[in-house]
Amino acid sequence: MTCCLLVMLVYVAIETRSWTVIHVVALSGSLISFFVLTLMYQSVCVSCFNLPSTYRVMHHALADPMYWLLMLLTTVAALAPRLAWSTDEDGLQKTHSDVAAIT
């Protein structure tokens, strides 16, 4: 779940052309609220709704360097094809000046 959120937020950050304070607050607030609410839920809810216990799983994950490496690699691997495609697509499009120079 963290990977999905991180990939979406980084993609929005990359695609944003002009940054405002609202953008920064929204993106950082989304990420911070996710971690805060997840940590609160997993600290309090030992057996909520008769589901298997996830007690302190995120606490252990956040302390593990492998977790952060996995977040980084997953984000790069998820965004690489789209960024490569958009870069290639932008490079192949001809502008009006290119068409005028050819004719």
PDB file of N, CA and C in Angstrom:
ATOM      1  N   MET A   1       0.819  -1.177   0.000  1.00  0.00           N
ATOM      2  CA  MET A   1       0.000   0.000   0.000  1.00  0.00           C
ATOM      3  C   MET A   1       0.871   1.251   0.000  1.00  0.00           C
ATOM      4  N   THR A   2       1.952   1.220   0.738  1.00  0.00           N
ATOM      5  CA  THR A   2       2.851   2.369   0.776  1.00  0.00           C
ATOM      6  C   THR A   2       3.471   2.603  -0.597  1.00  0.00           C
ATOM      7  N   CYS A   3       3.817   1.529  -1.282  1.00  0.00           N
ATOM      8  CA  CYS A   3       4.418   1.662  -2.617  1.00  0.00           C
ATOM      9  C   CYS A   3       3.454   2.335  -3.574  1.00  0.00           C
ATOM     10  N   CYS A   4       2.204   1.923  -3.550  1.00  0.00           N
ATOM     11  CA  CYS A   4       1.213   2.516  -4.451  1.00  0.00           C
ATOM     12  C   CYS A   4       1.060   4.007  -4.193  1.00  0.00           C
ATOM     13  N   LEU A   5       0.942   4.366  -2.926  1.00  0.00           N
ATOM     14  CA  LEU A   5       0.792   5.775  -2.583  1.00  0.00           C
ATOM     15  C   LEU A   5       2.026   6.569  -2.989  1.00  0.00           C
ATOM     16  N   LEU A   6       3.177   6.030  -2.714  1.00  0.00           N
ATOM     17  CA  LEU A   6       4.423   6.723  -3.048  1.00  0.00           C
ATOM     18  C   LEU A   6       4.580   6.899  -4.552  1.00  0.00           C
ATOM     19  N   VAL A   7       4.265   5.876  -5.323  1.00  0.00           N
ATOM     20  CA  VAL A   7       4.357   5.968  -6.790  1.00  0.00           C
ATOM     21  C   VAL A   7       3.393   7.029  -7.314  1.00  0.00           C
ATOM     22  N   MET A   8       2.172   7.031  -6.813  1.00  0.00           N
ATOM     23  CA  MET A   8       1.201   8.023  -7.282  1.00  0.00           C
ATOM     24  C   MET A   8       1.631   9.445  -6.929  1.00  0.00           C
ATOM     25  N   LEU A   9       2.130   9.633  -5.716  1.00  0.00           N
ATOM     26  CA  LEU A   9       2.537  10.978  -5.308  1.00  0.00           C
ATOM     27  C   LEU A   9       3.763  11.464  -6.083  1.00  0.00           C
ATOM     28  N   VAL A  10       4.714  10.589  -6.321  1.00  0.00           N
ATOM     29  CA  VAL A  10       5.894  10.980  -7.091  1.00  0.00           C
ATOM     30  C   VAL A  10       5.510  11.268  -8.537  1.00  0.00           C
ATOM     31  N   TYR A  11       4.593  10.485  -9.088  1.00  0.00           N
ATOM     32  CA  TYR A  11       4.142  10.726 -10.463  1.00  0.00           C
ATOM     33  C   TYR A  11       3.447  12.084 -10.569  1.00  0.00           C
ATOM     34  N   VAL A  12       2.601  12.392  -9.607  1.00  0.00           N
ATOM     35  CA  VAL A  12       1.942  13.705  -9.610  1.00  0.00           C
ATOM     36  C   VAL A  12       2.978  14.810  -9.468  1.00  0.00           C
ATOM     37  N   ALA A  13       3.978  14.591  -8.628  1.00  0.00           N
ATOM     38  CA  ALA A  13       5.025  15.598  -8.442  1.00  0.00           C
ATOM     39  C   ALA A  13       5.822  15.810  -9.727  1.00  0.00           C
ATOM     40  N   ILE A  14       6.084  14.745 -10.454  1.00  0.00           N
ATOM     41  CA  ILE A  14       6.832  14.871 -11.707  1.00  0.00           C
ATOM     42  C   ILE A  14       5.997  15.573 -12.769  1.00  0.00           C
ATOM     43  N   GLU A  15       4.729  15.268 -12.839  1.00  0.00           N
ATOM     44  CA  GLU A  15       3.864  15.832 -13.877  1.00  0.00           C
ATOM     45  C   GLU A  15       3.407  17.251 -13.576  1.00  0.00           C
ATOM     46  N   THR A  16       3.579  17.718 -12.346  1.00  0.00           N
ATOM     47  CA  THR A  16       3.158  19.071 -11.998  1.00  0.00           C
ATOM     48  C   THR A  16       4.100  20.078 -12.654  1.00  0.00           C
ATOM     49  N   ARG A  17       3.533  20.963 -13.428  1.00  0.00           N
ATOM     50  CA  ARG A  17       4.334  21.940 -14.172  1.00  0.00           C
ATOM     51  C   ARG A  17       4.686  23.157 -13.310  1.00  0.00           C
ATOM     52  N   SER A  18       3.735  23.649 -12.567  1.00  0.00           N
ATOM     53  CA  SER A  18       4.000  24.812 -11.712  1.00  0.00           C
ATOM     54  C   SER A  18       3.558  24.481 -10.291  1.00  0.00           C
ATOM     55  N   TRP A  19       4.477  24.684  -9.373  1.00  0.00           N
ATOM     56  CA  TRP A  19       4.239  24.330  -7.978  1.00  0.00           C
ATOM     57  C   TRP A  19       3.716  25.538  -7.207  1.00  0.00           C
ATOM     58  N   THR A  20       2.761  25.272  -6.347  1.00  0.00           N
ATOM     59  CA  THR A  20       2.281  26.284  -5.415  1.00  0.00           C
ATOM     60  C   THR A  20       2.353  25.696  -4.010  1.00  0.00           C
ATOM     61  N   VAL A  21       2.084  26.529  -3.042  1.00  0.00           N
ATOM     62  CA  VAL A  21       2.080  26.053  -1.654  1.00  0.00           C
ATOM     63  C   VAL A  21       0.999  24.998  -1.467  1.00  0.00           C
ATOM     64  N   ILE A  22      -0.094  25.147  -2.162  1.00  0.00           N
ATOM     65  CA  ILE A  22      -1.196  24.180  -2.054  1.00  0.00           C
ATOM     66  C   ILE A  22      -0.746  22.802  -2.530  1.00  0.00           C
ATOM     67  N   HIS A  23       0.015  22.746  -3.620  1.00  0.00           N
ATOM     68  CA  HIS A  23       0.529  21.465  -4.111  1.00  0.00           C
ATOM     69  C   HIS A  23       1.427  20.799  -3.075  1.00  0.00           C
ATOM     70  N   VAL A  24       2.336  21.560  -2.532  1.00  0.00           N
ATOM     71  CA  VAL A  24       3.288  21.020  -1.551  1.00  0.00           C
ATOM     72  C   VAL A  24       2.552  20.519  -0.309  1.00  0.00           C
ATOM     73  N   VAL A  25       1.613  21.302   0.172  1.00  0.00           N
ATOM     74  CA  VAL A  25       0.850  20.914   1.360  1.00  0.00           C
ATOM     75  C   VAL A  25       0.011  19.670   1.087  1.00  0.00           C
ATOM     76  N   ALA A  26      -0.607  19.608  -0.075  1.00  0.00           N
ATOM     77  CA  ALA A  26      -1.454  18.460  -0.403  1.00  0.00           C
ATOM     78  C   ALA A  26      -0.640  17.171  -0.525  1.00  0.00           C
ATOM     79  N   LEU A  27       0.462  17.222  -1.254  1.00  0.00           N
ATOM     80  CA  LEU A  27       1.266  16.013  -1.444  1.00  0.00           C
ATOM     81  C   LEU A  27       1.956  15.571  -0.160  1.00  0.00           C
ATOM     82  N   SER A  28       2.570  16.500   0.535  1.00  0.00           N
ATOM     83  CA  SER A  28       3.246  16.124   1.776  1.00  0.00           C
ATOM     84  C   SER A  28       2.229  15.757   2.851  1.00  0.00           C
ATOM     85  N   GLY A  29       1.093  16.446   2.899  1.00  0.00           N
ATOM     86  CA  GLY A  29       0.042  16.107   3.865  1.00  0.00           C
ATOM     87  C   GLY A  29      -0.535  14.729   3.625  1.00  0.00           C
ATOM     88  N   SER A  30      -0.658  14.344   2.383  1.00  0.00           N
ATOM     89  CA  SER A  30      -1.162  13.019   2.053  1.00  0.00           C
ATOM     90  C   SER A  30      -0.214  11.932   2.551  1.00  0.00           C
ATOM     91  N   LEU A  31       1.059  12.110   2.295  1.00  0.00           N
ATOM     92  CA  LEU A  31       2.044  11.122   2.719  1.00  0.00           C
ATOM     93  C   LEU A  31       2.162  11.074   4.245  1.00  0.00           C
ATOM     94  N   ILE A  32       2.219  12.236   4.867  1.00  0.00           N
ATOM     95  CA  ILE A  32       2.344  12.280   6.328  1.00  0.00           C
ATOM     96  C   ILE A  32       1.105  11.712   7.004  1.00  0.00           C
ATOM     97  N   SER A  33      -0.078  12.061   6.515  1.00  0.00           N
ATOM     98  CA  SER A  33      -1.298  11.536   7.134  1.00  0.00           C
ATOM     99  C   SER A  33      -1.406  10.026   6.956  1.00  0.00           C
ATOM    100  N   PHE A  34      -0.929   9.498   5.832  1.00  0.00           N
ATOM    101  CA  PHE A  34      -0.939   8.049   5.649  1.00  0.00           C
ATOM    102  C   PHE A  34      -0.103   7.359   6.718  1.00  0.00           C
ATOM    103  N   PHE A  35       1.123   7.847   6.912  1.00  0.00           N
ATOM    104  CA  PHE A  35       1.994   7.228   7.903  1.00  0.00           C
ATOM    105  C   PHE A  35       1.460   7.414   9.323  1.00  0.00           C
ATOM    106  N   VAL A  36       0.963   8.593   9.632  1.00  0.00           N
ATOM    107  CA  VAL A  36       0.444   8.846  10.983  1.00  0.00           C
ATOM    108  C   VAL A  36      -0.761   7.957  11.279  1.00  0.00           C
ATOM    109  N   LEU A  37      -1.709   7.914  10.371  1.00  0.00           N
ATOM    110  CA  LEU A  37      -2.904   7.101  10.600  1.00  0.00           C
ATOM    111  C   LEU A  37      -2.589   5.610  10.628  1.00  0.00           C
ATOM    112  N   THR A  38      -1.668   5.172   9.775  1.00  0.00           N
ATOM    113  CA  THR A  38      -1.284   3.762   9.777  1.00  0.00           C
ATOM    114  C   THR A  38      -0.590   3.394  11.080  1.00  0.00           C
ATOM    115  N   LEU A  39       0.320   4.234  11.532  1.00  0.00           N
ATOM    116  CA  LEU A  39       1.015   3.962  12.791  1.00  0.00           C
ATOM    117  C   LEU A  39       0.053   3.993  13.974  1.00  0.00           C
ATOM    118  N   MET A  40      -0.894   4.923  13.966  1.00  0.00           N
ATOM    119  CA  MET A  40      -1.885   4.968  15.047  1.00  0.00           C
ATOM    120  C   MET A  40      -2.758   3.718  15.036  1.00  0.00           C
ATOM    121  N   TYR A  41      -3.237   3.331  13.870  1.00  0.00           N
ATOM    122  CA  TYR A  41      -4.105   2.158  13.761  1.00  0.00           C
ATOM    123  C   TYR A  41      -3.379   0.896  14.222  1.00  0.00           C
ATOM    124  N   GLN A  42      -2.142   0.754  13.809  1.00  0.00           N
ATOM    125  CA  GLN A  42      -1.418  -0.467  14.152  1.00  0.00           C
ATOM    126  C   GLN A  42      -0.901  -0.448  15.587  1.00  0.00           C
ATOM    127  N   SER A  43      -0.898   0.693  16.234  1.00  0.00           N
ATOM    128  CA  SER A  43      -0.505   0.755  17.635  1.00  0.00           C
ATOM    129  C   SER A  43      -1.670   0.452  18.563  1.00  0.00           C
ATOM    130  N   VAL A  44      -2.866   0.787  18.140  1.00  0.00           N
ATOM    131  CA  VAL A  44      -4.034   0.662  18.999  1.00  0.00           C
ATOM    132  C   VAL A  44      -4.818  -0.612  18.725  1.00  0.00           C
ATOM    133  N   CYS A  45      -5.006  -0.922  17.491  1.00  0.00           N
ATOM    134  CA  CYS A  45      -5.937  -1.976  17.106  1.00  0.00           C
ATOM    135  C   CYS A  45      -5.230  -3.331  17.045  1.00  0.00           C
ATOM    136  N   VAL A  46      -5.322  -4.078  18.125  1.00  0.00           N
ATOM    137  CA  VAL A  46      -4.668  -5.378  18.159  1.00  0.00           C
ATOM    138  C   VAL A  46      -5.487  -6.403  17.391  1.00  0.00           C
ATOM    139  N   SER A  47      -6.775  -6.417  17.579  1.00  0.00           N
ATOM    140  CA  SER A  47      -7.617  -7.366  16.832  1.00  0.00           C
ATOM    141  C   SER A  47      -8.940  -6.700  16.482  1.00  0.00           C
ATOM    142  N   CYS A  48      -8.885  -5.728  15.605  1.00  0.00           N
ATOM    143  CA  CYS A  48     -10.090  -5.027  15.180  1.00  0.00           C
ATOM    144  C   CYS A  48     -10.842  -5.829  14.129  1.00  0.00           C
ATOM    145  N   PHE A  49     -12.113  -5.810  14.238  1.00  0.00           N
ATOM    146  CA  PHE A  49     -13.009  -6.412  13.253  1.00  0.00           C
ATOM    147  C   PHE A  49     -12.726  -7.895  13.021  1.00  0.00           C
ATOM    148  N   ASN A  50     -12.179  -8.562  13.999  1.00  0.00           N
ATOM    149  CA  ASN A  50     -11.859 -10.000  13.931  1.00  0.00           C
ATOM    150  C   ASN A  50     -10.947 -10.344  12.751  1.00  0.00           C
ATOM    151  N   LEU A  51     -10.076  -9.417  12.376  1.00  0.00           N
ATOM    152  CA  LEU A  51      -9.103  -9.651  11.318  1.00  0.00           C
ATOM    153  C   LEU A  51      -7.782 -10.085  11.939  1.00  0.00           C
ATOM    154  N   PRO A  52      -6.891 -10.674  11.156  1.00  0.00           N
ATOM    155  CA  PRO A  52      -5.572 -11.022  11.698  1.00  0.00           C
ATOM    156  C   PRO A  52      -4.854  -9.773  12.203  1.00  0.00           C
ATOM    157  N   SER A  53      -4.110  -9.919  13.245  1.00  0.00           N
ATOM    158  CA  SER A  53      -3.465  -8.789  13.890  1.00  0.00           C
ATOM    159  C   SER A  53      -2.314  -8.248  13.043  1.00  0.00           C
ATOM    160  N   THR A  54      -2.317  -6.930  12.898  1.00  0.00           N
ATOM    161  CA  THR A  54      -1.217  -6.247  12.229  1.00  0.00           C
ATOM    162  C   THR A  54      -0.484  -5.366  13.234  1.00  0.00           C
ATOM    163  N   TYR A  55      -0.518  -5.773  14.463  1.00  0.00           N
ATOM    164  CA  TYR A  55       0.030  -4.969  15.549  1.00  0.00           C
ATOM    165  C   TYR A  55       1.517  -4.727  15.360  1.00  0.00           C
ATOM    166  N   ARG A  56       1.891  -3.470  15.226  1.00  0.00           N
ATOM    167  CA  ARG A  56       3.266  -2.988  15.142  1.00  0.00           C
ATOM    168  C   ARG A  56       4.046  -3.509  13.924  1.00  0.00           C
ATOM    169  N   VAL A  57       3.368  -3.911  12.878  1.00  0.00           N
ATOM    170  CA  VAL A  57       4.055  -4.346  11.664  1.00  0.00           C
ATOM    171  C   VAL A  57       4.755  -3.164  10.999  1.00  0.00           C
ATOM    172  N   MET A  58       4.056  -2.048  10.903  1.00  0.00           N
ATOM    173  CA  MET A  58       4.638  -0.871  10.264  1.00  0.00           C
ATOM    174  C   MET A  58       5.792  -0.309  11.090  1.00  0.00           C
ATOM    175  N   HIS A  59       5.713  -0.408  12.401  1.00  0.00           N
ATOM    176  CA  HIS A  59       6.803   0.068  13.257  1.00  0.00           C
ATOM    177  C   HIS A  59       8.100  -0.688  12.940  1.00  0.00           C
ATOM    178  N   HIS A  60       7.983  -1.994  12.767  1.00  0.00           N
ATOM    179  CA  HIS A  60       9.159  -2.800  12.439  1.00  0.00           C
ATOM    180  C   HIS A  60       9.639  -2.531  11.011  1.00  0.00           C
ATOM    181  N   ALA A  61       8.693  -2.341  10.108  1.00  0.00           N
ATOM    182  CA  ALA A  61       9.064  -2.104   8.709  1.00  0.00           C
ATOM    183  C   ALA A  61       9.808  -0.782   8.548  1.00  0.00           C
ATOM    184  N   LEU A  62       9.351   0.246   9.230  1.00  0.00           N
ATOM    185  CA  LEU A  62       9.989   1.557   9.098  1.00  0.00           C
ATOM    186  C   LEU A  62      11.408   1.566   9.643  1.00  0.00           C
ATOM    187  N   ALA A  63      11.706   0.676  10.549  1.00  0.00           N
ATOM    188  CA  ALA A  63      13.054   0.606  11.118  1.00  0.00           C
ATOM    189  C   ALA A  63      14.003  -0.228  10.261  1.00  0.00           C
ATOM    190  N   ASP A  64      13.476  -0.926   9.273  1.00  0.00           N
ATOM    191  CA  ASP A  64      14.283  -1.817   8.443  1.00  0.00           C
ATOM    192  C   ASP A  64      14.781  -1.086   7.196  1.00  0.00           C
ATOM    193  N   PRO A  65      16.089  -1.035   6.954  1.00  0.00           N
ATOM    194  CA  PRO A  65      16.605  -0.365   5.745  1.00  0.00           C
ATOM    195  C   PRO A  65      16.148  -1.044   4.456  1.00  0.00           C
ATOM    196  N   MET A  66      15.890  -2.333   4.507  1.00  0.00           N
ATOM    197  CA  MET A  66      15.417  -3.049   3.318  1.00  0.00           C
ATOM    198  C   MET A  66      14.052  -2.521   2.868  1.00  0.00           C
ATOM    199  N   TYR A  67      13.227  -2.111   3.797  1.00  0.00           N
ATOM    200  CA  TYR A  67      11.918  -1.533   3.482  1.00  0.00           C
ATOM    201  C   TYR A  67      12.096  -0.265   2.645  1.00  0.00           C
ATOM    202  N   TRP A  68      13.001   0.609   3.060  1.00  0.00           N
ATOM    203  CA  TRP A  68      13.213   1.864   2.346  1.00  0.00           C
ATOM    204  C   TRP A  68      13.866   1.628   0.984  1.00  0.00           C
ATOM    205  N   LEU A  69      14.752   0.652   0.896  1.00  0.00           N
ATOM    206  CA  LEU A  69      15.342   0.301  -0.395  1.00  0.00           C
ATOM    207  C   LEU A  69      14.273  -0.233  -1.339  1.00  0.00           C
ATOM    208  N   LEU A  70      13.388  -1.050  -0.813  1.00  0.00           N
ATOM    209  CA  LEU A  70      12.295  -1.586  -1.611  1.00  0.00           C
ATOM    210  C   LEU A  70      11.366  -0.470  -2.090  1.00  0.00           C
ATOM    211  N   MET A  71      11.091   0.502  -1.236  1.00  0.00           N
ATOM    212  CA  MET A  71      10.256   1.643  -1.639  1.00  0.00           C
ATOM    213  C   MET A  71      10.907   2.410  -2.793  1.00  0.00           C
ATOM    214  N   LEU A  72      12.207   2.641  -2.686  1.00  0.00           N
ATOM    215  CA  LEU A  72      12.937   3.368  -3.725  1.00  0.00           C
ATOM    216  C   LEU A  72      12.956   2.594  -5.042  1.00  0.00           C
ATOM    217  N   LEU A  73      13.309   1.319  -4.982  1.00  0.00           N
ATOM    218  CA  LEU A  73      13.384   0.514  -6.208  1.00  0.00           C
ATOM    219  C   LEU A  73      12.016   0.321  -6.847  1.00  0.00           C
ATOM    220  N   THR A  74      11.005   0.125  -6.054  1.00  0.00           N
ATOM    221  CA  THR A  74       9.660  -0.057  -6.593  1.00  0.00           C
ATOM    222  C   THR A  74       9.162   1.214  -7.256  1.00  0.00           C
ATOM    223  N   THR A  75       9.432   2.341  -6.641  1.00  0.00           N
ATOM    224  CA  THR A  75       9.001   3.610  -7.222  1.00  0.00           C
ATOM    225  C   THR A  75       9.702   3.868  -8.551  1.00  0.00           C
ATOM    226  N   VAL A  76      10.993   3.634  -8.600  1.00  0.00           N
ATOM    227  CA  VAL A  76      11.747   3.833  -9.844  1.00  0.00           C
ATOM    228  C   VAL A  76      11.277   2.855 -10.915  1.00  0.00           C
ATOM    229  N   ALA A  77      11.093   1.598 -10.540  1.00  0.00           N
ATOM    230  CA  ALA A  77      10.656   0.588 -11.519  1.00  0.00           C
ATOM    231  C   ALA A  77       9.252   0.867 -12.033  1.00  0.00           C
ATOM    232  N   ALA A  78       8.390   1.402 -11.186  1.00  0.00           N
ATOM    233  CA  ALA A  78       7.020   1.689 -11.611  1.00  0.00           C
ATOM    234  C   ALA A  78       6.943   2.928 -12.491  1.00  0.00           C
ATOM    235  N   LEU A  79       7.796   3.901 -12.231  1.00  0.00           N
ATOM    236  CA  LEU A  79       7.731   5.152 -12.992  1.00  0.00           C
ATOM    237  C   LEU A  79       8.584   5.145 -14.253  1.00  0.00           C
ATOM    238  N   ALA A  80       9.559   4.282 -14.340  1.00  0.00           N
ATOM    239  CA  ALA A  80      10.486   4.281 -15.471  1.00  0.00           C
ATOM    240  C   ALA A  80       9.803   4.084 -16.829  1.00  0.00           C
ATOM    241  N   PRO A  81       8.907   3.115 -16.993  1.00  0.00           N
ATOM    242  CA  PRO A  81       8.290   2.952 -18.327  1.00  0.00           C
ATOM    243  C   PRO A  81       7.483   4.174 -18.766  1.00  0.00           C
ATOM    244  N   ARG A  82       6.724   4.739 -17.860  1.00  0.00           N
ATOM    245  CA  ARG A  82       5.910   5.904 -18.219  1.00  0.00           C
ATOM    246  C   ARG A  82       6.782   7.111 -18.551  1.00  0.00           C
ATOM    247  N   LEU A  83       7.822   7.322 -17.772  1.00  0.00           N
ATOM    248  CA  LEU A  83       8.709   8.448 -18.042  1.00  0.00           C
ATOM    249  C   LEU A  83       9.483   8.249 -19.339  1.00  0.00           C
ATOM    250  N   ALA A  84       9.894   7.013 -19.605  1.00  0.00           N
ATOM    251  CA  ALA A  84      10.592   6.725 -20.862  1.00  0.00           C
ATOM    252  C   ALA A  84       9.657   6.955 -22.046  1.00  0.00           C
ATOM    253  N   TRP A  85       8.405   6.536 -21.913  1.00  0.00           N
ATOM    254  CA  TRP A  85       7.439   6.714 -22.991  1.00  0.00           C
ATOM    255  C   TRP A  85       7.175   8.193 -23.238  1.00  0.00           C
ATOM    256  N   SER A  86       6.966   8.964 -22.173  1.00  0.00           N
ATOM    257  CA  SER A  86       6.671  10.388 -22.363  1.00  0.00           C
ATOM    258  C   SER A  86       7.884  11.130 -22.911  1.00  0.00           C
ATOM    259  N   THR A  87       9.084  10.733 -22.516  1.00  0.00           N
ATOM    260  CA  THR A  87      10.294  11.349 -23.048  1.00  0.00           C
ATOM    261  C   THR A  87      10.445  11.039 -24.532  1.00  0.00           C
ATOM    262  N   ASP A  88      10.208   9.785 -24.901  1.00  0.00           N
ATOM    263  CA  ASP A  88      10.295   9.376 -26.290  1.00  0.00           C
ATOM    264  C   ASP A  88       9.213  10.056 -27.118  1.00  0.00           C
ATOM    265  N   GLU A  89       8.016  10.142 -26.564  1.00  0.00           N
ATOM    266  CA  GLU A  89       6.913  10.764 -27.273  1.00  0.00           C
ATOM    267  C   GLU A  89       7.175  12.252 -27.489  1.00  0.00           C
ATOM    268  N   ASP A  90       7.709  12.925 -26.487  1.00  0.00           N
ATOM    269  CA  ASP A  90       8.025  14.347 -26.627  1.00  0.00           C
ATOM    270  C   ASP A  90       9.148  14.565 -27.639  1.00  0.00           C
ATOM    271  N   GLY A  91      10.086  13.655 -27.691  1.00  0.00           N
ATOM    272  CA  GLY A  91      11.201  13.787 -28.620  1.00  0.00           C
ATOM    273  C   GLY A  91      10.802  13.534 -30.056  1.00  0.00           C
ATOM    274  N   LEU A  92       9.778  12.728 -30.293  1.00  0.00           N
ATOM    275  CA  LEU A  92       9.364  12.384 -31.646  1.00  0.00           C
ATOM    276  C   LEU A  92       8.360  13.357 -32.251  1.00  0.00           C
ATOM    277  N   GLN A  93       7.718  14.162 -31.438  1.00  0.00           N
ATOM    278  CA  GLN A  93       6.734  15.101 -31.958  1.00  0.00           C
ATOM    279  C   GLN A  93       7.435  16.256 -32.661  1.00  0.00           C
ATOM    280  N   LYS A  94       6.908  16.590 -33.813  1.00  0.00           N
ATOM    281  CA  LYS A  94       7.484  17.690 -34.577  1.00  0.00           C
ATOM    282  C   LYS A  94       6.746  18.985 -34.243  1.00  0.00           C
ATOM    283  N   THR A  95       7.495  20.035 -34.130  1.00  0.00           N
ATOM    284  CA  THR A  95       6.886  21.342 -33.896  1.00  0.00           C
ATOM    285  C   THR A  95       6.607  22.012 -35.229  1.00  0.00           C
ATOM    286  N   HIS A  96       5.915  23.140 -35.168  1.00  0.00           N
ATOM    287  CA  HIS A  96       5.620  23.866 -36.400  1.00  0.00           C
ATOM    288  C   HIS A  96       6.889  24.365 -37.087  1.00  0.00           C
ATOM    289  N   SER A  97       7.871  24.727 -36.304  1.00  0.00           N
ATOM    290  CA  SER A  97       9.124  25.201 -36.897  1.00  0.00           C
ATOM    291  C   SER A  97       9.880  24.049 -37.570  1.00  0.00           C
ATOM    292  N   ASP A  98       9.769  22.822 -37.020  1.00  0.00           N
ATOM    293  CA  ASP A  98      10.391  21.667 -37.670  1.00  0.00           C
ATOM    294  C   ASP A  98       9.741  21.389 -39.024  1.00  0.00           C
ATOM    295  N   VAL A  99       8.429  21.469 -39.069  1.00  0.00           N
ATOM    296  CA  VAL A  99       7.709  21.217 -40.321  1.00  0.00           C
ATOM    297  C   VAL A  99       8.047  22.308 -41.328  1.00  0.00           C
ATOM    298  N   ALA A 100       8.145  23.557 -40.903  1.00  0.00           N
ATOM    299  CA  ALA A 100       8.463  24.655 -41.802  1.00  0.00           C
ATOM    300  C   ALA A 100       9.893  24.533 -42.337  1.00  0.00           C
ATOM    301  N   ALA A 101      10.815  24.046 -41.510  1.00  0.00           N
ATOM    302  CA  ALA A 101      12.205  23.889 -41.931  1.00  0.00           C
ATOM    303  C   ALA A 101      12.344  22.782 -42.956  1.00  0.00           C
ATOM    304  N   ILE A 102      11.518  21.758 -42.878  1.00  0.00           N
ATOM    305  CA  ILE A 102      11.602  20.616 -43.801  1.00  0.00           C
ATOM    306  C   ILE A 102      11.071  21.016 -45.172  1.00  0.00           C
ATOM    307  N   THR A 103      10.029  21.848 -45.208  1.00  0.00           N
ATOM    308  CA  THR A 103       9.391  22.197 -46.494  1.00  0.00           C
ATOM    309  C   THR A 103      10.015  23.375 -47.135  1.00  0.00           C
TER     310      THR A 103
END
